PDB file of N, CA and C in Angstrom:
ATOM      1  N   MET A   1     -16.578 -22.502 -10.504  1.00  0.00           N
ATOM      2  CA  MET A   1     -15.348 -21.625 -11.223  1.00  0.00           C
ATOM      3  C   MET A   1     -14.350 -21.636 -10.045  1.00  0.00           C
ATOM      4  N   LYS A   2     -13.175 -22.015 -10.275  1.00  0.00           N
ATOM      5  CA  LYS A   2     -12.219 -21.849  -9.333  1.00  0.00           C
ATOM      6  C   LYS A   2     -11.614 -20.448  -9.323  1.00  0.00           C
ATOM      7  N   GLN A   3     -11.638 -19.882  -8.085  1.00  0.00           N
ATOM      8  CA  GLN A   3     -10.968 -18.596  -7.839  1.00  0.00           C
ATOM      9  C   GLN A   3      -9.462 -18.649  -7.766  1.00  0.00           C
ATOM     10  N   LYS A   4      -8.811 -17.704  -8.332  1.00  0.00           N
ATOM     11  CA  LYS A   4      -7.280 -17.368  -8.293  1.00  0.00           C
ATOM     12  C   LYS A   4      -7.008 -16.732  -7.229  1.00  0.00           C
ATOM     13  N   THR A   5      -5.996 -17.024  -6.278  1.00  0.00           N
ATOM     14  CA  THR A   5      -5.456 -16.151  -5.322  1.00  0.00           C
ATOM     15  C   THR A   5      -4.133 -15.787  -5.593  1.00  0.00           C
ATOM     16  N   ILE A   6      -3.535 -14.563  -4.995  1.00  0.00           N
ATOM     17  CA  ILE A   6      -2.411 -14.295  -4.924  1.00  0.00           C
ATOM     18  C   ILE A   6      -1.665 -14.113  -3.617  1.00  0.00           C
ATOM     19  N   ALA A   7      -2.207 -14.936  -2.626  1.00  0.00           N
ATOM     20  CA  ALA A   7      -1.732 -14.609  -1.341  1.00  0.00           C
ATOM     21  C   ALA A   7      -1.817 -16.010  -0.704  1.00  0.00           C
ATOM     22  N   HIS A   8      -0.849 -16.174   0.155  1.00  0.00           N
ATOM     23  CA  HIS A   8      -0.858 -17.390   1.119  1.00  0.00           C
ATOM     24  C   HIS A   8      -0.745 -16.905   2.464  1.00  0.00           C
ATOM     25  N   GLY A   9      -1.761 -17.070   3.229  1.00  0.00           N
ATOM     26  CA  GLY A   9      -1.897 -16.608   4.715  1.00  0.00           C
ATOM     27  C   GLY A   9      -2.665 -15.374   4.766  1.00  0.00           C
ATOM     28  N   SER A  10      -2.369 -14.682   5.955  1.00  0.00           N
ATOM     29  CA  SER A  10      -3.028 -13.509   6.077  1.00  0.00           C
ATOM     30  C   SER A  10      -2.276 -12.245   5.238  1.00  0.00           C
ATOM     31  N   VAL A  11      -3.117 -11.179   4.966  1.00  0.00           N
ATOM     32  CA  VAL A  11      -2.666 -10.134   4.107  1.00  0.00           C
ATOM     33  C   VAL A  11      -2.974  -8.782   4.624  1.00  0.00           C
ATOM     34  N   ASP A  12      -2.017  -7.797   4.692  1.00  0.00           N
ATOM     35  CA  ASP A  12      -2.446  -6.285   5.053  1.00  0.00           C
ATOM     36  C   ASP A  12      -2.260  -5.584   3.730  1.00  0.00           C
ATOM     37  N   VAL A  13      -3.272  -4.765   3.496  1.00  0.00           N
ATOM     38  CA  VAL A  13      -3.495  -4.143   2.296  1.00  0.00           C
ATOM     39  C   VAL A  13      -3.650  -2.568   2.741  1.00  0.00           C
ATOM     40  N   HIS A  14      -2.692  -1.664   2.009  1.00  0.00           N
ATOM     41  CA  HIS A  14      -2.793  -0.340   2.156  1.00  0.00           C
ATOM     42  C   HIS A  14      -2.707   0.361   1.125  1.00  0.00           C
ATOM     43  N   ILE A  15      -3.126   1.694   1.137  1.00  0.00           N
ATOM     44  CA  ILE A  15      -2.890   2.531  -0.047  1.00  0.00           C
ATOM     45  C   ILE A  15      -1.940   3.519   0.355  1.00  0.00           C
ATOM     46  N   LEU A  16      -0.817   3.706  -0.427  1.00  0.00           N
ATOM     47  CA  LEU A  16       0.397   4.608   0.109  1.00  0.00           C
ATOM     48  C   LEU A  16       0.135   5.760  -0.960  1.00  0.00           C
ATOM     49  N   ALA A  17       0.158   6.952  -0.139  1.00  0.00           N
ATOM     50  CA  ALA A  17       0.116   8.180  -0.941  1.00  0.00           C
ATOM     51  C   ALA A  17       1.374   9.143  -0.720  1.00  0.00           C
ATOM     52  N   ARG A  18       1.830   9.521  -1.890  1.00  0.00           N
ATOM     53  CA  ARG A  18       3.126  10.313  -1.746  1.00  0.00           C
ATOM     54  C   ARG A  18       3.144  10.733  -3.210  1.00  0.00           C
ATOM     55  N   GLU A  19       4.048  11.661  -3.577  1.00  0.00           N
ATOM     56  CA  GLU A  19       4.538  11.762  -5.056  1.00  0.00           C
ATOM     57  C   GLU A  19       5.289  10.789  -5.476  1.00  0.00           C
ATOM     58  N   ASP A  20       5.035  10.261  -6.711  1.00  0.00           N
ATOM     59  CA  ASP A  20       5.625   9.247  -7.429  1.00  0.00           C
ATOM     60  C   ASP A  20       5.652   7.959  -6.539  1.00  0.00           C
ATOM     61  N   ALA A  21       4.463   7.774  -5.934  1.00  0.00           N
ATOM     62  CA  ALA A  21       4.246   6.702  -5.043  1.00  0.00           C
ATOM     63  C   ALA A  21       4.600   5.205  -5.521  1.00  0.00           C
ATOM     64  N   VAL A  22       4.336   4.901  -6.789  1.00  0.00           N
ATOM     65  CA  VAL A  22       4.640   3.827  -7.378  1.00  0.00           C
ATOM     66  C   VAL A  22       5.869   3.472  -7.549  1.00  0.00           C
ATOM     67  N   THR A  23       6.843   4.381  -7.947  1.00  0.00           N
ATOM     68  CA  THR A  23       8.415   4.347  -8.189  1.00  0.00           C
ATOM     69  C   THR A  23       8.942   4.128  -6.687  1.00  0.00           C
ATOM     70  N   ALA A  24       8.529   4.828  -5.795  1.00  0.00           N
ATOM     71  CA  ALA A  24       9.190   4.816  -4.505  1.00  0.00           C
ATOM     72  C   ALA A  24       8.887   3.641  -3.786  1.00  0.00           C
ATOM     73  N   TRP A  25       7.825   3.059  -3.853  1.00  0.00           N
ATOM     74  CA  TRP A  25       7.386   1.729  -3.189  1.00  0.00           C
ATOM     75  C   TRP A  25       8.240   0.692  -4.176  1.00  0.00           C
ATOM     76  N   ARG A  26       8.195   0.718  -5.248  1.00  0.00           N
ATOM     77  CA  ARG A  26       8.998  -0.297  -5.896  1.00  0.00           C
ATOM     78  C   ARG A  26      10.451  -0.477  -5.624  1.00  0.00           C
ATOM     79  N   VAL A  27      11.006   0.693  -5.374  1.00  0.00           N
ATOM     80  CA  VAL A  27      12.284   0.986  -4.895  1.00  0.00           C
ATOM     81  C   VAL A  27      12.599   0.089  -3.489  1.00  0.00           C
ATOM     82  N   LEU A  28      11.512   0.325  -2.525  1.00  0.00           N
ATOM     83  CA  LEU A  28      11.557  -0.209  -1.306  1.00  0.00           C
ATOM     84  C   LEU A  28      11.475  -1.779  -1.259  1.00  0.00           C
ATOM     85  N   MET A  29      10.514  -2.207  -2.278  1.00  0.00           N
ATOM     86  CA  MET A  29      10.353  -3.551  -2.336  1.00  0.00           C
ATOM     87  C   MET A  29      11.449  -4.370  -2.958  1.00  0.00           C
ATOM     88  N   GLY A  30      12.095  -3.721  -3.890  1.00  0.00           N
ATOM     89  CA  GLY A  30      13.349  -4.336  -4.443  1.00  0.00           C
ATOM     90  C   GLY A  30      12.817  -5.194  -5.844  1.00  0.00           C
ATOM     91  N   PRO A  31      13.854  -5.880  -6.395  1.00  0.00           N
ATOM     92  CA  PRO A  31      13.460  -6.588  -7.651  1.00  0.00           C
ATOM     93  C   PRO A  31      12.187  -7.677  -7.399  1.00  0.00           C
ATOM     94  N   THR A  32      11.519  -7.909  -8.596  1.00  0.00           N
ATOM     95  CA  THR A  32      10.384  -8.985  -8.333  1.00  0.00           C
ATOM     96  C   THR A  32      11.075 -10.331  -8.032  1.00  0.00           C
ATOM     97  N   LYS A  33      12.193 -10.715  -8.763  1.00  0.00           N
ATOM     98  CA  LYS A  33      12.709 -12.078  -8.638  1.00  0.00           C
ATOM     99  C   LYS A  33      13.616 -12.022  -7.170  1.00  0.00           C
ATOM    100  N   VAL A  34      13.108 -12.716  -6.389  1.00  0.00           N
ATOM    101  CA  VAL A  34      13.694 -12.889  -4.918  1.00  0.00           C
ATOM    102  C   VAL A  34      15.301 -13.303  -4.860  1.00  0.00           C
ATOM    103  N   TYR A  35      15.640 -14.145  -5.673  1.00  0.00           N
ATOM    104  CA  TYR A  35      16.930 -14.555  -5.830  1.00  0.00           C
ATOM    105  C   TYR A  35      17.920 -13.409  -6.168  1.00  0.00           C
ATOM    106  N   GLN A  36      17.327 -12.434  -7.107  1.00  0.00           N
ATOM    107  CA  GLN A  36      17.992 -11.395  -7.614  1.00  0.00           C
ATOM    108  C   GLN A  36      18.132 -10.327  -6.452  1.00  0.00           C
ATOM    109  N   ALA A  37      17.054 -10.165  -5.817  1.00  0.00           N
ATOM    110  CA  ALA A  37      16.842  -9.215  -4.694  1.00  0.00           C
ATOM    111  C   ALA A  37      17.809  -9.524  -3.520  1.00  0.00           C
ATOM    112  N   GLN A  38      17.956 -10.754  -3.134  1.00  0.00           N
ATOM    113  CA  GLN A  38      18.837 -11.311  -2.228  1.00  0.00           C
ATOM    114  C   GLN A  38      20.292 -11.065  -2.376  1.00  0.00           C
ATOM    115  N   PHE A  39      20.672 -10.805  -3.694  1.00  0.00           N
ATOM    116  CA  PHE A  39      22.064 -10.550  -3.905  1.00  0.00           C
ATOM    117  C   PHE A  39      22.369  -9.172  -4.351  1.00  0.00           C
ATOM    118  N   SER A  40      21.450  -8.649  -5.061  1.00  0.00           N
ATOM    119  CA  SER A  40      21.649  -7.046  -5.579  1.00  0.00           C
ATOM    120  C   SER A  40      21.024  -6.105  -4.618  1.00  0.00           C
ATOM    121  N   ASP A  41      20.160  -6.501  -4.011  1.00  0.00           N
ATOM    122  CA  ASP A  41      19.349  -5.586  -3.108  1.00  0.00           C
ATOM    123  C   ASP A  41      18.833  -6.101  -1.877  1.00  0.00           C
ATOM    124  N   PRO A  42      19.711  -6.787  -0.852  1.00  0.00           N
ATOM    125  CA  PRO A  42      19.351  -7.579  -0.010  1.00  0.00           C
ATOM    126  C   PRO A  42      18.743  -6.736   1.178  1.00  0.00           C
ATOM    127  N   ASN A  43      18.755  -5.342   1.345  1.00  0.00           N
ATOM    128  CA  ASN A  43      18.076  -4.632   2.266  1.00  0.00           C
ATOM    129  C   ASN A  43      16.766  -4.173   1.848  1.00  0.00           C
ATOM    130  N   THR A  44      16.114  -4.513   0.728  1.00  0.00           N
ATOM    131  CA  THR A  44      14.858  -4.423   0.458  1.00  0.00           C
ATOM    132  C   THR A  44      13.851  -5.178   0.985  1.00  0.00           C
ATOM    133  N   ILE A  45      12.550  -5.037   0.926  1.00  0.00           N
ATOM    134  CA  ILE A  45      11.562  -6.072   1.476  1.00  0.00           C
ATOM    135  C   ILE A  45      11.908  -7.469   1.039  1.00  0.00           C
ATOM    136  N   ARG A  46      11.750  -7.586  -0.259  1.00  0.00           N
ATOM    137  CA  ARG A  46      11.900  -8.841  -1.015  1.00  0.00           C
ATOM    138  C   ARG A  46      13.241  -9.377  -0.633  1.00  0.00           C
ATOM    139  N   GLY A  47      14.406  -8.724  -0.661  1.00  0.00           N
ATOM    140  CA  GLY A  47      15.666  -9.351  -0.373  1.00  0.00           C
ATOM    141  C   GLY A  47      15.660  -9.748   0.927  1.00  0.00           C
ATOM    142  N   SER A  48      15.073  -9.090   2.063  1.00  0.00           N
ATOM    143  CA  SER A  48      14.950  -9.571   3.487  1.00  0.00           C
ATOM    144  C   SER A  48      13.972 -10.731   3.655  1.00  0.00           C
ATOM    145  N   TYR A  49      12.770 -10.506   3.064  1.00  0.00           N
ATOM    146  CA  TYR A  49      11.840 -11.429   3.539  1.00  0.00           C
ATOM    147  C   TYR A  49      11.159 -12.360   2.431  1.00  0.00           C
ATOM    148  N   GLY A  50      11.506 -12.176   1.220  1.00  0.00           N
ATOM    149  CA  GLY A  50      10.989 -13.068   0.079  1.00  0.00           C
ATOM    150  C   GLY A  50      11.636 -14.482   0.185  1.00  0.00           C
ATOM    151  N   ILE A  51      10.686 -15.522  -0.109  1.00  0.00           N
ATOM    152  CA  ILE A  51      11.042 -16.864   0.002  1.00  0.00           C
ATOM    153  C   ILE A  51      11.271 -17.492  -1.318  1.00  0.00           C
ATOM    154  N   SER A  52      10.452 -17.099  -2.362  1.00  0.00           N
ATOM    155  CA  SER A  52      10.693 -17.467  -3.732  1.00  0.00           C
ATOM    156  C   SER A  52      10.112 -16.453  -4.510  1.00  0.00           C
ATOM    157  N   ASP A  53      10.055 -16.710  -5.934  1.00  0.00           N
ATOM    158  CA  ASP A  53       9.482 -15.673  -6.902  1.00  0.00           C
ATOM    159  C   ASP A  53       7.929 -15.496  -6.691  1.00  0.00           C
ATOM    160  N   THR A  54       7.610 -16.578  -6.325  1.00  0.00           N
ATOM    161  CA  THR A  54       5.819 -16.532  -6.183  1.00  0.00           C
ATOM    162  C   THR A  54       5.497 -16.175  -4.693  1.00  0.00           C
ATOM    163  N   ARG A  55       6.387 -16.471  -3.855  1.00  0.00           N
ATOM    164  CA  ARG A  55       6.218 -15.780  -2.251  1.00  0.00           C
ATOM    165  C   ARG A  55       7.220 -14.771  -1.995  1.00  0.00           C
ATOM    166  N   ASN A  56       6.946 -13.778  -2.742  1.00  0.00           N
ATOM    167  CA  ASN A  56       8.174 -12.441  -2.569  1.00  0.00           C
ATOM    168  C   ASN A  56       7.879 -11.597  -1.665  1.00  0.00           C
ATOM    169  N   ALA A  57       6.801 -11.633  -0.700  1.00  0.00           N
ATOM    170  CA  ALA A  57       6.535 -10.900   0.490  1.00  0.00           C
ATOM    171  C   ALA A  57       5.713  -9.767   0.297  1.00  0.00           C
ATOM    172  N   THR A  58       5.772  -9.154  -1.027  1.00  0.00           N
ATOM    173  CA  THR A  58       5.033  -8.077  -1.306  1.00  0.00           C
ATOM    174  C   THR A  58       4.520  -7.780  -2.661  1.00  0.00           C
ATOM    175  N   HIS A  59       3.421  -6.750  -2.796  1.00  0.00           N
ATOM    176  CA  HIS A  59       2.826  -6.699  -4.063  1.00  0.00           C
ATOM    177  C   HIS A  59       2.918  -5.032  -4.123  1.00  0.00           C
ATOM    178  N   GLY A  60       3.347  -4.590  -5.441  1.00  0.00           N
ATOM    179  CA  GLY A  60       3.192  -3.087  -5.709  1.00  0.00           C
ATOM    180  C   GLY A  60       2.733  -2.997  -7.206  1.00  0.00           C
ATOM    181  N   SER A  61       1.717  -2.078  -7.269  1.00  0.00           N
ATOM    182  CA  SER A  61       1.336  -1.758  -8.642  1.00  0.00           C
ATOM    183  C   SER A  61       2.318  -1.352  -9.522  1.00  0.00           C
ATOM    184  N   ASP A  62       2.193  -1.678 -10.871  1.00  0.00           N
ATOM    185  CA  ASP A  62       3.588  -1.182 -11.838  1.00  0.00           C
ATOM    186  C   ASP A  62       3.219   0.020 -12.356  1.00  0.00           C
ATOM    187  N   SER A  63       2.132   0.785 -12.121  1.00  0.00           N
ATOM    188  CA  SER A  63       1.695   1.927 -12.791  1.00  0.00           C
ATOM    189  C   SER A  63       0.604   2.697 -12.097  1.00  0.00           C
ATOM    190  N   PRO A  64       0.509   3.939 -12.142  1.00  0.00           N
ATOM    191  CA  PRO A  64      -0.564   4.485 -11.652  1.00  0.00           C
ATOM    192  C   PRO A  64      -2.027   4.070 -11.938  1.00  0.00           C
ATOM    193  N   GLU A  65      -2.068   3.638 -13.257  1.00  0.00           N
ATOM    194  CA  GLU A  65      -3.239   3.080 -13.850  1.00  0.00           C
ATOM    195  C   GLU A  65      -3.549   1.756 -13.032  1.00  0.00           C
ATOM    196  N   SER A  66      -2.614   1.058 -12.890  1.00  0.00           N
ATOM    197  CA  SER A  66      -2.748  -0.410 -12.163  1.00  0.00           C
ATOM    198  C   SER A  66      -3.141  -0.158 -10.741  1.00  0.00           C
ATOM    199  N   ALA A  67      -2.432   0.962 -10.324  1.00  0.00           N
ATOM    200  CA  ALA A  67      -2.898   1.297  -8.724  1.00  0.00           C
ATOM    201  C   ALA A  67      -4.176   1.560  -8.587  1.00  0.00           C
ATOM    202  N   ALA A  68      -4.768   2.377  -9.553  1.00  0.00           N
ATOM    203  CA  ALA A  68      -6.110   2.844  -9.575  1.00  0.00           C
ATOM    204  C   ALA A  68      -7.104   1.516  -9.578  1.00  0.00           C
ATOM    205  N   ARG A  69      -6.793   0.722 -10.624  1.00  0.00           N
ATOM    206  CA  ARG A  69      -7.635  -0.430 -10.529  1.00  0.00           C
ATOM    207  C   ARG A  69      -7.643  -1.328  -9.373  1.00  0.00           C
ATOM    208  N   GLU A  70      -6.485  -1.600  -8.823  1.00  0.00           N
ATOM    209  CA  GLU A  70      -6.287  -2.285  -7.664  1.00  0.00           C
ATOM    210  C   GLU A  70      -7.078  -1.755  -6.333  1.00  0.00           C
ATOM    211  N   ILE A  71      -6.733  -0.257  -6.333  1.00  0.00           N
ATOM    212  CA  ILE A  71      -7.501   0.398  -5.331  1.00  0.00           C
ATOM    213  C   ILE A  71      -8.984   0.010  -5.295  1.00  0.00           C
ATOM    214  N   ALA A  72      -9.624   0.336  -6.543  1.00  0.00           N
ATOM    215  CA  ALA A  72     -10.915   0.052  -6.821  1.00  0.00           C
ATOM    216  C   ALA A  72     -11.420  -1.391  -6.373  1.00  0.00           C
ATOM    217  N   LEU A  73     -10.529  -2.260  -6.806  1.00  0.00           N
ATOM    218  CA  LEU A  73     -10.818  -3.557  -6.383  1.00  0.00           C
ATOM    219  C   LEU A  73     -10.800  -3.851  -4.961  1.00  0.00           C
ATOM    220  N   LEU A  74      -9.825  -3.469  -4.339  1.00  0.00           N
ATOM    221  CA  LEU A  74      -9.540  -3.654  -2.877  1.00  0.00           C
ATOM    222  C   LEU A  74     -10.238  -2.798  -1.862  1.00  0.00           C
ATOM    223  N   PHE A  75     -10.437  -1.424  -2.260  1.00  0.00           N
ATOM    224  CA  PHE A  75     -11.258  -0.532  -1.465  1.00  0.00           C
ATOM    225  C   PHE A  75     -12.510   0.143  -2.232  1.00  0.00           C
ATOM    226  N   PRO A  76     -13.603  -0.776  -2.400  1.00  0.00           N
ATOM    227  CA  PRO A  76     -14.481  -0.242  -3.377  1.00  0.00           C
ATOM    228  C   PRO A  76     -15.195   1.168  -2.902  1.00  0.00           C
ATOM    229  N   THR A  77     -15.141   1.448  -1.552  1.00  0.00           N
ATOM    230  CA  THR A  77     -15.712   2.668  -1.012  1.00  0.00           C
ATOM    231  C   THR A  77     -14.771   3.875  -1.059  1.00  0.00           C
ATOM    232  N   PHE A  78     -13.497   3.558  -1.311  1.00  0.00           N
ATOM    233  CA  PHE A  78     -12.574   4.607  -1.386  1.00  0.00           C
ATOM    234  C   PHE A  78     -12.766   5.529  -2.528  1.00  0.00           C
ATOM    235  N   ASP A  79     -12.905   6.823  -2.272  1.00  0.00           N
ATOM    236  CA  ASP A  79     -12.841   7.759  -3.553  1.00  0.00           C
ATOM    237  C   ASP A  79     -11.641   8.661  -3.440  1.00  0.00           C
ATOM    238  N   LEU A  80     -10.715   8.664  -4.341  1.00  0.00           N
ATOM    239  CA  LEU A  80      -9.599   9.451  -4.371  1.00  0.00           C
ATOM    240  C   LEU A  80      -9.835  10.798  -4.568  1.00  0.00           C
ATOM    241  N   HIS A  81     -10.813  11.365  -5.268  1.00  0.00           N
ATOM    242  CA  HIS A  81     -11.187  12.646  -5.272  1.00  0.00           C
ATOM    243  C   HIS A  81     -11.723  13.153  -4.046  1.00  0.00           C
ATOM    244  N   VAL A  82     -12.626  12.642  -3.390  1.00  0.00           N
ATOM    245  CA  VAL A  82     -12.921  13.017  -1.959  1.00  0.00           C
ATOM    246  C   VAL A  82     -11.938  13.241  -1.078  1.00  0.00           C
ATOM    247  N   TRP A  83     -11.011  12.089  -0.981  1.00  0.00           N
ATOM    248  CA  TRP A  83      -9.979  11.953  -0.079  1.00  0.00           C
ATOM    249  C   TRP A  83      -8.948  13.217  -0.454  1.00  0.00           C
ATOM    250  N   SER A  84      -8.646  13.561  -1.733  1.00  0.00           N
ATOM    251  CA  SER A  84      -7.732  14.542  -2.151  1.00  0.00           C
ATOM    252  C   SER A  84      -8.421  15.954  -1.755  1.00  0.00           C
ATOM    253  N   GLN A  85      -9.613  16.013  -1.971  1.00  0.00           N
ATOM    254  CA  GLN A  85     -10.081  17.479  -1.624  1.00  0.00           C
ATOM    255  C   GLN A  85     -10.540  17.510  -0.174  1.00  0.00           C
ATOM    256  N   TYR A  86     -10.900  16.606   0.526  1.00  0.00           N
ATOM    257  CA  TYR A  86     -11.293  16.944   2.093  1.00  0.00           C
ATOM    258  C   TYR A  86     -10.361  16.458   3.158  1.00  0.00           C
ATOM    259  N   GLN A  87      -9.614  15.315   2.740  1.00  0.00           N
ATOM    260  CA  GLN A  87      -8.836  14.629   3.874  1.00  0.00           C
ATOM    261  C   GLN A  87      -7.167  15.008   3.666  1.00  0.00           C
ATOM    262  N   GLU A  88      -6.861  14.997   2.513  1.00  0.00           N
ATOM    263  CA  GLU A  88      -5.432  15.192   2.126  1.00  0.00           C
ATOM    264  C   GLU A  88      -4.886  16.393   2.653  1.00  0.00           C
ATOM    265  N   PRO A  89      -5.563  17.348   2.682  1.00  0.00           N
ATOM    266  CA  PRO A  89      -5.073  18.737   3.461  1.00  0.00           C
ATOM    267  C   PRO A  89      -4.517  18.380   4.873  1.00  0.00           C
ATOM    268  N   SER A  90      -5.509  17.751   5.588  1.00  0.00           N
ATOM    269  CA  SER A  90      -5.281  17.486   6.853  1.00  0.00           C
ATOM    270  C   SER A  90      -3.869  16.528   7.167  1.00  0.00           C
ATOM    271  N   PHE A  91      -3.776  15.521   6.337  1.00  0.00           N
ATOM    272  CA  PHE A  91      -2.628  14.693   6.484  1.00  0.00           C
ATOM    273  C   PHE A  91      -1.315  15.611   6.094  1.00  0.00           C
ATOM    274  N   ARG A  92      -1.401  16.351   5.103  1.00  0.00           N
ATOM    275  CA  ARG A  92      -0.135  17.202   4.650  1.00  0.00           C
ATOM    276  C   ARG A  92       0.121  18.354   5.899  1.00  0.00           C
ATOM    277  N   ALA A  93      -0.912  18.649   6.655  1.00  0.00           N
ATOM    278  CA  ALA A  93      -0.763  19.622   7.611  1.00  0.00           C
ATOM    279  C   ALA A  93      -0.272  18.980   8.900  1.00  0.00           C
ATOM    280  N   GLY A  94      -0.288  17.598   9.093  1.00  0.00           N
ATOM    281  CA  GLY A  94       0.097  16.945  10.333  1.00  0.00           C
ATOM    282  C   GLY A  94      -1.091  16.794  11.125  1.00  0.00           C
ATOM    283  N   LYS A  95      -2.247  17.046  10.634  1.00  0.00           N
ATOM    284  CA  LYS A  95      -3.334  17.061  11.582  1.00  0.00           C
ATOM    285  C   LYS A  95      -4.226  15.820  11.602  1.00  0.00           C
ATOM    286  N   VAL A  96      -3.470  14.626  11.683  1.00  0.00           N
ATOM    287  CA  VAL A  96      -4.217  13.409  11.964  1.00  0.00           C
ATOM    288  C   VAL A  96      -3.525  12.548  13.126  1.00  0.00           C
ATOM    289  N   GLU A  97      -4.060  11.574  13.468  1.00  0.00           N
ATOM    290  CA  GLU A  97      -3.600  10.798  14.680  1.00  0.00           C
ATOM    291  C   GLU A  97      -4.131   9.374  14.254  1.00  0.00           C
ATOM    292  N   LEU A  98      -3.405   8.492  14.561  1.00  0.00           N
ATOM    293  CA  LEU A  98      -3.572   7.110  14.402  1.00  0.00           C
ATOM    294  C   LEU A  98      -4.113   6.590  15.638  1.00  0.00           C
ATOM    295  N   CYS A  99      -5.420   5.881  15.255  1.00  0.00           N
ATOM    296  CA  CYS A  99      -6.102   5.319  16.606  1.00  0.00           C
ATOM    297  C   CYS A  99      -5.425   3.840  16.555  1.00  0.00           C
ATOM    298  N   LEU A 100      -4.809   3.634  17.602  1.00  0.00           N
ATOM    299  CA  LEU A 100      -4.104   2.005  17.713  1.00  0.00           C
ATOM    300  C   LEU A 100      -5.206   0.901  17.806  1.00  0.00           C
ATOM    301  N   ASN A 101      -6.506   1.306  18.379  1.00  0.00           N
ATOM    302  CA  ASN A 101      -7.575   0.203  18.559  1.00  0.00           C
ATOM    303  C   ASN A 101      -8.209  -0.091  17.188  1.00  0.00           C
ATOM    304  N   THR A 102      -8.464   1.192  16.370  1.00  0.00           N
ATOM    305  CA  THR A 102      -9.172   0.631  15.135  1.00  0.00           C
ATOM    306  C   THR A 102      -8.037   0.654  13.857  1.00  0.00           C
ATOM    307  N   PHE A 103      -6.730   0.922  14.003  1.00  0.00           N
ATOM    308  CA  PHE A 103      -5.762   1.301  13.091  1.00  0.00           C
ATOM    309  C   PHE A 103      -6.341   1.845  11.899  1.00  0.00           C
ATOM    310  N   ALA A 104      -7.012   3.169  12.352  1.00  0.00           N
ATOM    311  CA  ALA A 104      -7.349   4.025  11.315  1.00  0.00           C
ATOM    312  C   ALA A 104      -6.993   5.365  11.752  1.00  0.00           C
ATOM    313  N   HIS A 105      -6.823   6.231  10.658  1.00  0.00           N
ATOM    314  CA  HIS A 105      -6.557   7.606  11.052  1.00  0.00           C
ATOM    315  C   HIS A 105      -7.591   8.509  11.410  1.00  0.00           C
ATOM    316  N   LYS A 106      -7.454   9.274  12.342  1.00  0.00           N
ATOM    317  CA  LYS A 106      -8.636  10.428  12.812  1.00  0.00           C
ATOM    318  C   LYS A 106      -7.927  11.845  12.374  1.00  0.00           C
ATOM    319  N   LEU A 107      -8.862  12.701  11.830  1.00  0.00           N
ATOM    320  CA  LEU A 107      -8.595  14.014  11.431  1.00  0.00           C
ATOM    321  C   LEU A 107      -8.572  14.632  12.799  1.00  0.00           C
ATOM    322  N   LEU A 108      -7.600  15.253  13.179  1.00  0.00           N
ATOM    323  CA  LEU A 108      -7.617  16.128  14.592  1.00  0.00           C
ATOM    324  C   LEU A 108      -8.705  17.177  14.325  1.00  0.00           C
ATOM    325  N   ASP A 109      -8.751  17.798  13.173  1.00  0.00           N
ATOM    326  CA  ASP A 109      -9.485  19.165  13.052  1.00  0.00           C
ATOM    327  C   ASP A 109     -10.945  18.804  13.063  1.00  0.00           C
ATOM    328  N   THR A 110     -11.564  17.536  12.676  1.00  0.00           N
ATOM    329  CA  THR A 110     -12.895  17.200  12.658  1.00  0.00           C
ATOM    330  C   THR A 110     -13.224  16.028  13.510  1.00  0.00           C
ATOM    331  N   ALA A 111     -12.228  15.323  13.928  1.00  0.00           N
ATOM    332  CA  ALA A 111     -12.549  14.221  14.669  1.00  0.00           C
ATOM    333  C   ALA A 111     -13.288  13.029  14.012  1.00  0.00           C
ATOM    334  N   ARG A 112     -13.263  13.243  12.519  1.00  0.00           N
ATOM    335  CA  ARG A 112     -13.827  11.937  11.783  1.00  0.00           C
ATOM    336  C   ARG A 112     -12.831  10.956  11.512  1.00  0.00           C
ATOM    337  N   THR A 113     -13.233   9.794  11.418  1.00  0.00           N
ATOM    338  CA  THR A 113     -12.493   8.486  11.175  1.00  0.00           C
ATOM    339  C   THR A 113     -12.298   8.240   9.952  1.00  0.00           C
ATOM    340  N   ILE A 114     -11.309   8.098   9.411  1.00  0.00           N
ATOM    341  CA  ILE A 114     -10.936   7.524   7.896  1.00  0.00           C
ATOM    342  C   ILE A 114     -10.889   5.993   8.059  1.00  0.00           C
ATOM    343  N   LYS A 115     -11.839   5.437   7.360  1.00  0.00           N
ATOM    344  CA  LYS A 115     -11.647   3.982   7.512  1.00  0.00           C
ATOM    345  C   LYS A 115     -12.141   3.492   6.062  1.00  0.00           C
ATOM    346  N   ASN A 116     -11.287   3.037   5.128  1.00  0.00           N
ATOM    347  CA  ASN A 116     -11.479   2.775   3.774  1.00  0.00           C
ATOM    348  C   ASN A 116     -10.694   1.449   3.821  1.00  0.00           C
TER     349      ASN A 116
END
């Protein structure tokens, strides 16, 4: 069976957390159609870095439901409920530090590494 891919080259995958994250990220990405983005929203990610409609530089979920499915696919060990209950309060309080060697956040109050 041939596997479909949606990437050409290396990929960095992240979970973005904030109120209304899907909408906020979609604004930063710009229109899906690169040609449109380059003319109507040139300062967006796609307007600046998109090459074509199939090589548009970035992906973002279209809904919270899609985000949940994609997070489960790409980060199978990540548990949103555990993160929300035990780790999010430290992020909101600014009690985290980014380790540049592992590119993972460390909770300052417990020194546990978050790596999902």
